Amino acid sequence: MKIAMIAPSSGKWKAAANSAIFNGKTFRFSLLSLLTVAAETPEGHDILLIDEQVDDIPWDKRFDLVAITCMTALAPRAYEIAESFRSKNIPVILGGIHPTLCPDEAEQHADAIVVGDAEGVWQTVLNDLQHGMLKNRYKSKVLPDLTRLNRLPRQLLKSRHYSTVNGLQATRGCTNKCNFCSVSAFHNQTHRVRPVKEVVKEMAGFQSRFCIFVDDNLTADREYAKELFHAIEPLRKFWVSQSSIAIADDPEFVRLGANSGCIGFFIGIETFSNKNLLKSEKYCNRAEWYKEAIALFHSFGIAVEAGIVFGFDNDSTEVFQNSLRLLDELEIDAAQISILTPIPGTALYKGVNERIFDHDWGHYDFHTAVFHPNRMTASELQDGHDWVTRKFYSPARIMKRVVNHMKRTKKLATLPYVAAVNMAYYGRVKRWNISGRNPVANEC
């Protein structure tokens, strides 16, 4: 069969992705979700992988099957693409985060959906389709065994469009119970690991020295992570990934990560309020740990990109200037600054459902206020988020962060990483025309 596998994009995401400077490729890597499905496809099928951030969809080409993956913010675009192909009698399969968390809705826009991981059911989907027995919904009865993953067909990607195609996964899922997290909901708070020797083999095959572990929480199983760090150290690669800040309670563990080539962790700090952390069930964090923990990462040459979220129930309008000050004081290297977004299927969505005023999934992009917060207005939340984003990514602050990083770093490899991420966020601010104002001081 001729199969199109599509990652949709639209609006500001597509515009930012196509930028020639300051963003473009920096935040674009791997497409591991579709590559995983492609790897599960038996030989003999002709696969065209389409990343709509950089590829045009060949509407006039005849396919035997179209498979689309999507997160919530891109569900409207995914449905639009699906309806277009279905109008031509081309069957469409939907999968990914949003169809898994909203299966009844997704079924209305596809011939079939895959709930959860594709491994274990994808070949059944293809077989059923070929025999005219396609079901509405497919879900594996057991979690896929990560010890038998197929080699990813990275040749399907146009490598020039990506910061790296060297994305890999050593673990999958996260055991934390953060009530706002779609990853936790998707994986039912499970965490699975691949055999270390398979990860090493895949990593050793990369031609360049830089790679990205796209794991949701690489260090959730510390004993496994220690084994992995020891095993990949001889490869002399540089890598980044996501981790909990809780690992800072073990300096030796952090040292092992650094020695194995870690140059950066994305860490979900989320908020500087312990009340917010407790209510959101982010039990692995404590605000009083942040300063010492970040200093520890820095001492081993590991940059910290912090996830910061505004809109928790304990947040007042003062949270914006206070958070900006703390981001500066803690010498955070970069920050993904977001608005608390109630993704359907999460505990947060159920908890604030009556306060949601915007039900357009296209606005559930983590940068748009879609519900009424507890201690401020939605407009104040939007303004404050935009103001902090613009201020944090001002040229002066970026320069100061890069200079400070140069002074303290023990790894030259972290410098281009920190600079590139900061400039990418700066480009996003410019292209999305982010401005905002401080709701407390009415400061622009």
Protein backbone atom coordinates (compact mmCIF):
# COMPACT_ATOMS: atom_id res chain seq x y z
CA MET A 1 0.00 0.00 0.00
CA LYS A 2 0.95 3.63 -0.47
CA ILE A 3 0.78 5.16 3.00
CA ALA A 4 1.02 8.84 3.94
CA MET A 5 1.98 9.52 7.56
CA ILE A 6 1.27 13.12 8.50
CA ALA A 7 2.24 15.37 11.41
CA PRO A 8 -0.07 18.40 11.01
CA SER A 9 0.83 22.02 11.62
CA SER A 10 -1.01 25.30 11.29
CA GLY A 11 -1.09 28.97 12.15
CA LYS A 12 1.71 30.43 14.21
CA TRP A 13 3.47 27.07 14.60
CA LYS A 14 3.89 26.69 10.86
CA ALA A 15 4.99 30.31 10.49
CA ALA A 16 7.61 29.97 13.21
CA ALA A 17 8.85 26.68 11.82
CA ASN A 18 9.49 28.17 8.40
CA SER A 19 11.51 31.08 9.75
CA ALA A 20 14.98 31.40 8.30
CA ILE A 21 16.55 32.88 11.45
CA PHE A 22 16.35 32.64 15.23
CA ASN A 23 14.01 29.65 15.21
CA GLY A 24 13.49 27.49 12.20
CA LYS A 25 15.15 24.20 13.04
CA THR A 26 16.02 24.70 16.70
CA PHE A 27 12.79 23.30 18.13
CA ARG A 28 12.22 20.82 15.34
CA PHE A 29 13.73 17.37 15.64
CA SER A 30 13.14 13.70 15.13
CA LEU A 31 9.35 13.20 14.56
CA LEU A 32 9.79 10.09 16.65
CA SER A 33 6.05 9.35 16.86
CA LEU A 34 5.63 8.86 13.11
CA LEU A 35 9.02 7.19 12.72
CA THR A 36 7.93 4.65 15.33
CA VAL A 37 4.77 3.86 13.34
CA ALA A 38 6.82 3.65 10.15
CA ALA A 39 9.18 1.22 11.87
CA GLU A 40 6.20 -0.99 12.72
CA THR A 41 5.07 -1.09 9.10
CA PRO A 42 6.02 -4.35 7.33
CA GLU A 43 8.23 -4.26 4.27
CA GLY A 44 6.48 -3.93 0.95
CA HIS A 45 4.56 -0.78 1.80
CA ASP A 46 5.51 2.60 0.32
CA ILE A 47 5.65 5.25 3.06
CA LEU A 48 5.68 9.02 2.58
CA LEU A 49 6.33 10.88 5.82
CA ILE A 50 4.91 14.43 5.80
CA ASP A 51 5.83 17.02 8.43
CA GLU A 52 3.49 19.89 7.65
CA GLN A 53 5.82 22.34 9.39
CA VAL A 54 8.17 21.96 6.43
CA ASP A 55 6.34 19.85 3.83
CA ASP A 56 3.34 20.54 1.64
CA ILE A 57 0.68 17.85 1.61
CA PRO A 58 0.40 16.34 -1.89
CA TRP A 59 -3.38 16.55 -2.07
CA ASP A 60 -3.54 15.22 -5.62
CA LYS A 61 -1.49 12.11 -4.92
CA ARG A 62 -3.40 8.87 -4.50
CA PHE A 63 -2.79 7.01 -1.24
CA ASP A 64 -4.22 3.75 0.01
CA LEU A 65 -4.06 4.96 3.61
CA VAL A 66 -3.42 8.20 5.49
CA ALA A 67 -2.24 8.06 9.12
CA ILE A 68 -2.27 11.29 11.16
CA THR A 69 -0.87 11.97 14.62
CA CYS A 70 -1.83 15.02 16.66
CA MET A 71 -1.74 16.77 19.98
CA THR A 72 -4.76 18.74 21.17
CA ALA A 73 -3.81 22.13 19.70
CA LEU A 74 -3.48 20.56 16.25
CA ALA A 75 -6.60 18.41 16.41
CA PRO A 76 -8.67 20.86 14.30
CA ARG A 77 -6.03 20.79 11.57
CA ALA A 78 -5.76 17.00 11.81
CA TYR A 79 -9.53 16.69 11.40
CA GLU A 80 -9.46 19.07 8.44
CA ILE A 81 -6.79 16.97 6.72
CA ALA A 82 -8.66 13.78 7.55
CA GLU A 83 -11.94 15.01 6.10
CA SER A 84 -10.23 16.11 2.90
CA PHE A 85 -8.77 12.66 2.27
CA ARG A 86 -11.90 10.84 3.38
CA SER A 87 -13.93 12.86 0.87
CA LYS A 88 -11.79 11.13 -1.77
CA ASN A 89 -12.58 7.70 -0.27
CA ILE A 90 -9.07 7.37 1.16
CA PRO A 91 -9.20 5.73 4.63
CA VAL A 92 -7.74 7.75 7.50
CA ILE A 93 -6.32 6.52 10.82
CA LEU A 94 -5.88 8.99 13.70
CA GLY A 95 -3.53 8.46 16.63
CA GLY A 96 -1.45 10.31 19.19
CA ILE A 97 -2.16 12.21 22.39
CA HIS A 98 -5.48 13.83 21.46
CA PRO A 99 -7.20 10.83 19.84
CA THR A 100 -6.11 8.73 22.82
CA LEU A 101 -7.54 11.18 25.37
CA CYS A 102 -10.63 12.06 23.28
CA PRO A 103 -11.36 8.81 21.42
CA ASP A 104 -15.11 9.32 20.94
CA GLU A 105 -14.52 12.71 19.34
CA ALA A 106 -11.65 11.50 17.16
CA GLU A 107 -13.69 8.57 15.86
CA GLN A 108 -16.06 11.05 14.23
CA HIS A 109 -13.24 12.27 11.98
CA ALA A 110 -11.54 9.01 10.97
CA ASP A 111 -12.17 5.53 9.68
CA ALA A 112 -10.31 4.19 12.70
CA ILE A 113 -8.27 5.44 15.64
CA VAL A 114 -5.34 3.99 17.55
CA VAL A 115 -5.53 4.55 21.30
CA GLY A 116 -2.19 4.62 23.10
CA ASP A 117 1.05 3.25 21.66
CA ALA A 118 0.97 2.01 18.07
CA GLU A 119 3.32 -0.91 18.69
CA GLY A 120 1.39 -4.12 19.00
CA VAL A 121 -1.65 -2.98 17.01
CA TRP A 122 -0.38 -1.20 13.89
CA GLN A 123 0.23 -4.34 11.88
CA THR A 124 -3.26 -5.53 12.84
CA VAL A 125 -4.67 -2.23 11.56
CA LEU A 126 -2.94 -2.70 8.21
CA ASN A 127 -4.01 -6.32 7.92
CA ASP A 128 -7.63 -5.51 8.75
CA LEU A 129 -7.67 -2.68 6.22
CA GLN A 130 -6.31 -4.89 3.46
CA HIS A 131 -8.99 -7.50 4.19
CA GLY A 132 -11.86 -5.02 4.43
CA MET A 133 -12.31 -5.63 8.16
CA LEU A 134 -11.18 -2.29 9.62
CA LYS A 135 -12.53 -1.67 13.14
CA ASN A 136 -13.35 1.74 14.60
CA ARG A 137 -10.85 1.59 17.44
CA TYR A 138 -7.60 -0.23 18.18
CA LYS A 139 -5.86 -0.46 21.53
CA SER A 140 -3.17 -2.87 22.62
CA LYS A 141 -4.27 -5.18 25.42
CA VAL A 142 -0.83 -4.94 27.01
CA LEU A 143 1.80 -2.22 27.06
CA PRO A 144 4.23 -2.71 24.16
CA ASP A 145 7.47 -4.47 24.99
CA LEU A 146 10.28 -1.94 24.55
CA THR A 147 12.85 -4.72 24.28
CA ARG A 148 11.84 -5.41 20.70
CA LEU A 149 11.63 -2.03 19.01
CA ASN A 150 12.40 -1.93 15.31
CA ARG A 151 15.08 0.28 13.82
CA LEU A 152 13.72 3.76 13.06
CA PRO A 153 13.69 4.61 9.32
CA ARG A 154 15.28 8.04 9.73
CA GLN A 155 15.95 8.16 6.00
CA LEU A 156 12.28 9.13 5.60
CA LEU A 157 13.08 12.53 7.12
CA LYS A 158 14.53 15.44 5.18
CA SER A 159 17.42 15.98 7.58
CA ARG A 160 18.15 19.52 6.38
CA HIS A 161 14.89 20.70 7.97
CA TYR A 162 15.79 19.52 11.49
CA SER A 163 18.20 20.57 14.21
CA THR A 164 18.98 16.86 14.44
CA VAL A 165 17.40 13.63 13.31
CA ASN A 166 19.31 11.92 16.11
CA GLY A 167 16.36 11.67 18.45
CA LEU A 168 16.06 8.47 20.42
CA GLN A 169 14.14 7.03 23.32
CA ALA A 170 15.56 5.02 26.20
CA THR A 171 12.44 5.13 28.36
CA ARG A 172 8.78 5.90 27.87
CA GLY A 173 6.28 7.54 30.21
CA CYS A 174 6.57 9.02 33.69
CA THR A 175 5.50 7.82 37.14
CA ASN A 176 4.71 11.30 38.46
CA LYS A 177 1.04 12.22 38.88
CA CYS A 178 1.05 15.89 37.86
CA ASN A 179 -2.64 16.63 37.30
CA PHE A 180 -2.05 18.92 34.31
CA CYS A 181 0.18 16.53 32.36
CA SER A 182 -1.11 14.81 29.23
CA VAL A 183 1.94 12.50 29.21
CA SER A 184 0.92 11.11 32.58
CA ALA A 185 -2.64 10.62 31.34
CA PHE A 186 -1.52 9.03 28.05
CA HIS A 187 0.78 6.50 29.73
CA ASN A 188 -1.35 5.97 32.86
CA GLN A 189 1.60 6.99 35.05
CA THR A 190 3.74 4.09 33.83
CA HIS A 191 7.44 4.20 33.02
CA ARG A 192 9.12 1.58 30.82
CA VAL A 193 12.73 1.11 29.77
CA ARG A 194 14.62 -0.29 26.78
CA PRO A 195 17.59 -2.61 27.17
CA VAL A 196 20.65 -0.43 27.66
CA LYS A 197 22.66 -2.28 25.04
CA GLU A 198 20.02 -1.49 22.40
CA VAL A 199 20.12 2.21 23.29
CA VAL A 200 23.92 2.19 23.10
CA LYS A 201 23.83 0.48 19.71
CA GLU A 202 21.39 3.05 18.33
CA MET A 203 23.33 5.98 19.77
CA ALA A 204 26.65 4.66 18.47
CA GLY A 205 25.23 4.66 14.97
CA PHE A 206 24.70 8.42 14.92
CA GLN A 207 27.21 10.18 12.70
CA SER A 208 27.15 13.47 14.61
CA ARG A 209 28.08 13.87 18.26
CA PHE A 210 24.85 15.61 19.33
CA CYS A 211 21.61 13.78 20.06
CA ILE A 212 18.37 14.20 21.97
CA PHE A 213 16.73 11.73 24.30
CA VAL A 214 13.05 12.54 23.74
CA ASP A 215 12.08 10.65 26.90
CA ASP A 216 9.41 12.20 29.10
CA ASN A 217 11.53 11.62 32.20
CA LEU A 218 14.84 9.93 31.43
CA THR A 219 15.88 9.68 35.08
CA ALA A 220 12.64 8.33 36.59
CA ASP A 221 14.32 4.95 37.15
CA ARG A 222 17.66 5.96 38.65
CA GLU A 223 19.25 2.53 38.65
CA TYR A 224 18.46 2.15 34.97
CA ALA A 225 19.72 5.67 34.25
CA LYS A 226 22.99 4.96 36.06
CA GLU A 227 23.53 1.86 33.96
CA LEU A 228 22.73 3.86 30.83
CA PHE A 229 25.09 6.71 31.74
CA HIS A 230 27.99 4.34 32.36
CA ALA A 231 27.32 2.56 29.07
CA ILE A 232 27.13 5.63 26.83
CA GLU A 233 30.07 7.52 28.36
CA PRO A 234 32.64 5.87 26.03
CA LEU A 235 30.65 7.06 22.99
CA ARG A 236 31.67 10.66 23.77
CA LYS A 237 28.35 12.08 22.60
CA PHE A 238 26.67 15.27 23.77
CA TRP A 239 23.00 14.95 24.66
CA VAL A 240 20.02 16.71 26.20
CA SER A 241 16.81 15.34 27.70
CA GLN A 242 14.07 15.88 30.29
CA SER A 243 14.45 15.12 33.98
CA SER A 244 12.89 15.74 37.35
CA ILE A 245 14.68 18.26 39.55
CA ALA A 246 14.58 15.66 42.32
CA ILE A 247 17.76 14.01 41.01
CA ALA A 248 19.71 16.94 42.47
CA ASP A 249 19.50 15.19 45.84
CA ASP A 250 22.20 12.85 44.51
CA PRO A 251 25.24 14.81 43.24
CA GLU A 252 27.01 11.60 42.22
CA PHE A 253 24.08 10.68 39.98
CA VAL A 254 24.17 14.12 38.33
CA ARG A 255 27.94 13.76 37.88
CA LEU A 256 27.42 10.46 36.07
CA GLY A 257 24.97 12.14 33.73
CA ALA A 258 27.42 14.95 33.02
CA ASN A 259 30.29 12.53 32.42
CA SER A 260 28.15 10.60 29.95
CA GLY A 261 27.74 13.73 27.83
CA CYS A 262 24.69 15.52 29.24
CA ILE A 263 24.85 19.22 28.39
CA GLY A 264 21.28 20.18 29.23
CA PHE A 265 18.13 19.12 31.02
CA PHE A 266 14.62 20.41 30.51
CA ILE A 267 13.23 20.48 34.04
CA GLY A 268 9.61 21.13 34.94
CA ILE A 269 9.98 23.69 37.69
CA GLU A 270 6.41 24.81 36.88
CA THR A 271 5.92 27.29 39.74
CA PHE A 272 7.70 28.91 42.67
CA SER A 273 4.72 28.24 44.97
CA ASN A 274 4.64 25.10 47.10
CA LYS A 275 0.86 25.48 47.40
CA ASN A 276 0.58 25.26 43.64
CA LEU A 277 2.91 22.27 43.52
CA LEU A 278 0.87 20.38 46.09
CA LYS A 279 -2.48 21.14 44.48
CA SER A 280 -1.18 20.07 41.08
CA GLU A 281 0.25 16.89 42.66
CA LYS A 282 3.78 17.76 41.56
CA TYR A 283 5.18 16.03 44.62
CA CYS A 284 8.69 15.65 43.23
CA ASN A 285 9.27 19.43 43.47
CA ARG A 286 9.82 21.83 46.35
CA ALA A 287 10.42 25.50 45.66
CA GLU A 288 13.10 25.75 48.34
CA TRP A 289 15.20 23.18 46.45
CA TYR A 290 15.48 25.17 43.25
CA LYS A 291 18.47 27.41 43.99
CA GLU A 292 20.75 24.66 45.27
CA ALA A 293 19.61 22.18 42.62
CA ILE A 294 20.21 24.52 39.69
CA ALA A 295 23.61 25.48 41.09
CA LEU A 296 24.47 21.77 41.26
CA PHE A 297 23.54 21.19 37.62
CA HIS A 298 25.60 24.21 36.63
CA SER A 299 28.59 22.97 38.64
CA PHE A 300 28.70 19.90 36.39
CA GLY A 301 28.32 21.87 33.18
CA ILE A 302 24.64 21.04 32.65
CA ALA A 303 22.41 23.83 31.37
CA VAL A 304 18.88 24.10 32.75
CA GLU A 305 15.86 24.93 30.62
CA ALA A 306 12.99 25.41 33.05
CA GLY A 307 9.34 24.77 32.38
CA ILE A 308 7.42 27.67 33.94
CA VAL A 309 3.61 27.74 34.06
CA PHE A 310 1.24 30.56 35.00
CA GLY A 311 -2.41 30.22 35.96
CA PHE A 312 -2.37 27.92 38.98
CA ASP A 313 -5.03 28.57 41.61
CA ASN A 314 -2.60 30.22 44.02
CA ASP A 315 -1.26 32.61 41.36
CA SER A 316 -2.20 36.26 41.76
CA THR A 317 -1.18 39.08 39.45
CA GLU A 318 2.04 39.42 41.47
CA VAL A 319 3.25 36.04 40.23
CA PHE A 320 4.61 37.48 36.99
CA GLN A 321 7.12 40.01 38.31
CA ASN A 322 8.08 37.67 41.16
CA SER A 323 8.74 34.79 38.76
CA LEU A 324 10.76 36.97 36.39
CA ARG A 325 12.91 38.08 39.31
CA LEU A 326 13.47 34.49 40.46
CA LEU A 327 14.31 33.29 36.96
CA ASP A 328 17.03 35.93 36.88
CA GLU A 329 18.29 35.22 40.40
CA LEU A 330 18.48 31.47 39.85
CA GLU A 331 20.41 32.00 36.60
CA ILE A 332 18.08 29.77 34.61
CA ASP A 333 19.68 29.24 31.19
CA ALA A 334 16.40 29.18 29.26
CA ALA A 335 12.71 28.82 30.04
CA GLN A 336 9.66 27.45 28.32
CA ILE A 337 7.05 29.90 29.63
CA SER A 338 3.50 28.61 29.41
CA ILE A 339 -0.09 29.19 30.46
CA LEU A 340 -1.73 26.41 32.44
CA THR A 341 -3.84 24.56 29.88
CA PRO A 342 -6.52 21.99 30.79
CA ILE A 343 -5.84 19.29 28.22
CA PRO A 344 -8.84 16.94 27.92
CA GLY A 345 -8.28 13.64 29.64
CA THR A 346 -6.22 15.13 32.45
CA ALA A 347 -7.33 15.58 36.05
CA LEU A 348 -6.90 19.34 35.62
CA TYR A 349 -9.45 19.38 32.80
CA LYS A 350 -12.04 17.77 35.06
CA GLY A 351 -11.17 20.08 37.93
CA VAL A 352 -11.56 23.38 36.06
CA ASN A 353 -14.15 22.28 33.50
CA GLU A 354 -16.79 24.73 34.73
CA ARG A 355 -14.30 27.61 34.37
CA ILE A 356 -13.38 26.86 30.75
CA PHE A 357 -14.70 29.54 28.38
CA ASP A 358 -12.84 28.61 25.20
CA HIS A 359 -13.50 25.16 23.73
CA ASP A 360 -11.57 25.65 20.49
CA TRP A 361 -8.85 23.01 20.67
CA GLY A 362 -6.71 25.14 18.38
CA HIS A 363 -6.21 27.54 21.28
CA TYR A 364 -4.96 24.80 23.63
CA ASP A 365 -1.37 25.61 22.69
CA PHE A 366 -0.06 26.38 26.21
CA HIS A 367 0.24 30.06 25.32
CA THR A 368 -3.44 31.05 25.31
CA ALA A 369 -5.74 31.52 28.33
CA VAL A 370 -8.76 29.25 27.85
CA PHE A 371 -10.20 29.17 31.38
CA HIS A 372 -10.90 31.63 34.18
CA PRO A 373 -8.08 31.44 36.74
CA ASN A 374 -8.79 31.63 40.46
CA ARG A 375 -7.11 34.89 41.54
CA MET A 376 -6.96 37.00 38.39
CA THR A 377 -8.82 37.48 35.15
CA ALA A 378 -8.08 35.53 32.00
CA SER A 379 -6.92 38.77 30.37
CA GLU A 380 -4.49 39.41 33.21
CA LEU A 381 -3.17 35.86 32.87
CA GLN A 382 -2.62 36.34 29.15
CA ASP A 383 -1.02 39.77 29.58
CA GLY A 384 1.25 38.59 32.39
CA HIS A 385 2.41 35.49 30.53
CA ASP A 386 3.19 37.55 27.44
CA TRP A 387 4.98 40.21 29.48
CA VAL A 388 7.26 37.71 31.26
CA THR A 389 8.01 35.95 27.96
CA ARG A 390 8.99 39.19 26.25
CA LYS A 391 11.03 40.44 29.20
CA PHE A 392 12.86 37.16 29.77
CA TYR A 393 13.79 36.97 26.10
CA SER A 394 14.87 40.56 25.71
CA PRO A 395 18.25 40.95 23.97
CA ALA A 396 19.81 42.32 27.16
CA ARG A 397 18.73 39.38 29.31
CA ILE A 398 19.74 36.85 26.65
CA MET A 399 23.20 38.41 26.40
CA LYS A 400 23.59 38.39 30.17
CA ARG A 401 22.59 34.72 30.39
CA VAL A 402 24.98 33.69 27.63
CA VAL A 403 27.87 35.68 29.15
CA ASN A 404 27.20 34.23 32.62
CA HIS A 405 27.08 30.78 31.10
CA MET A 406 30.44 31.34 29.40
CA LYS A 407 31.98 32.34 32.72
CA ARG A 408 30.84 29.32 34.69
CA THR A 409 30.56 26.46 32.20
CA LYS A 410 32.95 23.55 32.16
CA LYS A 411 31.74 22.34 28.76
CA LEU A 412 32.16 24.43 25.65
CA ALA A 413 29.51 22.27 23.98
CA THR A 414 26.80 23.78 26.18
CA LEU A 415 27.42 27.31 24.90
CA PRO A 416 26.00 26.89 21.37
CA TYR A 417 23.10 24.94 22.86
CA VAL A 418 22.20 27.70 25.34
CA ALA A 419 22.66 30.43 22.74
CA ALA A 420 20.58 28.61 20.11
CA VAL A 421 17.67 27.92 22.46
CA ASN A 422 17.57 31.51 23.70
CA MET A 423 17.68 32.95 20.19
CA ALA A 424 14.97 30.53 19.08
CA TYR A 425 12.67 31.75 21.83
CA TYR A 426 13.56 35.35 20.96
CA GLY A 427 12.58 34.66 17.37
CA ARG A 428 9.26 33.24 18.55
CA VAL A 429 8.57 36.39 20.56
CA LYS A 430 9.20 38.52 17.50
CA ARG A 431 7.26 36.40 15.05
CA TRP A 432 4.26 35.90 17.31
CA ASN A 433 4.36 39.60 18.21
CA ILE A 434 4.31 38.85 21.94
CA SER A 435 4.08 41.98 24.07
CA GLY A 436 1.80 41.93 27.13
CA ARG A 437 2.03 44.04 30.26
CA ASN A 438 2.64 43.56 33.96
CA PRO A 439 -0.89 43.51 35.47
CA VAL A 440 0.36 44.85 38.82
CA ALA A 441 2.39 47.84 37.66
CA ASN A 442 0.56 48.25 34.34
CA GLU A 443 4.07 48.15 32.91
CA CYS A 444 4.65 47.39 29.24
